[in-house]
Amino acid sequence: MLLDTSSLPNHLDLFRLEDFPTTMVCTERFVEACRRLGLDGVSFQGLPMK
């Protein structure tokens, strides 16, 4: 999966992709907030972007 940054919503920190409804995509800001809060059961994997 390669994300086109020009097609991503810039006003959302967490969203789903239309073609991949079971995949949640989030911003670095969302990841950092989850880490600061010490949330359990959440894992993150970076995605390539163009």
Protein backbone atom coordinates (compact mmCIF):
# COMPACT_ATOMS: atom_id res chain seq x y z
CA MET A 1 0.00 0.00 0.00
CA LEU A 2 1.35 3.42 -0.99
CA LEU A 3 -0.51 6.48 0.27
CA ASP A 4 -0.77 9.57 -1.92
CA THR A 5 -0.44 12.45 0.55
CA SER A 6 -2.44 14.79 -1.69
CA SER A 7 -5.51 12.55 -1.30
CA LEU A 8 -5.41 12.31 2.51
CA PRO A 9 -7.75 14.44 4.63
CA ASN A 10 -5.75 17.10 6.46
CA HIS A 11 -8.47 17.79 9.03
CA LEU A 12 -8.64 14.23 10.45
CA ASP A 13 -6.17 12.33 12.62
CA LEU A 14 -7.87 8.93 12.25
CA PHE A 15 -9.75 7.60 9.23
CA ARG A 16 -10.43 4.54 7.05
CA LEU A 17 -9.56 4.10 3.40
CA GLU A 18 -12.49 3.47 1.06
CA ASP A 19 -10.87 0.43 -0.58
CA PHE A 20 -9.57 -1.01 2.74
CA PRO A 21 -12.46 -0.68 5.26
CA THR A 22 -10.72 -2.80 7.90
CA THR A 23 -7.58 -0.66 7.86
CA MET A 24 -7.37 2.37 10.12
CA VAL A 25 -4.96 5.13 9.07
CA CYS A 26 -3.79 7.81 11.47
CA THR A 27 -1.41 10.73 11.67
CA GLU A 28 1.86 10.91 13.60
CA ARG A 29 0.03 13.30 15.95
CA PHE A 30 -2.50 10.55 16.75
CA VAL A 31 0.29 8.01 17.35
CA GLU A 32 2.07 10.38 19.75
CA ALA A 33 -1.17 11.09 21.64
CA CYS A 34 -1.79 7.34 22.09
CA ARG A 35 1.76 6.83 23.34
CA ARG A 36 1.49 9.74 25.79
CA LEU A 37 -1.75 8.28 27.14
CA GLY A 38 -0.13 4.83 27.48
CA LEU A 39 -2.96 3.05 25.66
CA ASP A 40 -2.87 -0.76 25.72
CA GLY A 41 -3.77 -3.02 22.81
CA VAL A 42 -2.86 -0.49 20.13
CA SER A 43 -0.09 -1.09 17.61
CA PHE A 44 1.11 1.09 14.77
CA GLN A 45 2.86 0.33 11.50
CA GLY A 46 4.29 3.00 9.24
CA LEU A 47 3.01 3.25 5.68
CA PRO A 48 4.98 4.48 2.66
CA MET A 49 3.77 7.77 1.19
CA LYS A 50 4.46 9.62 -2.02
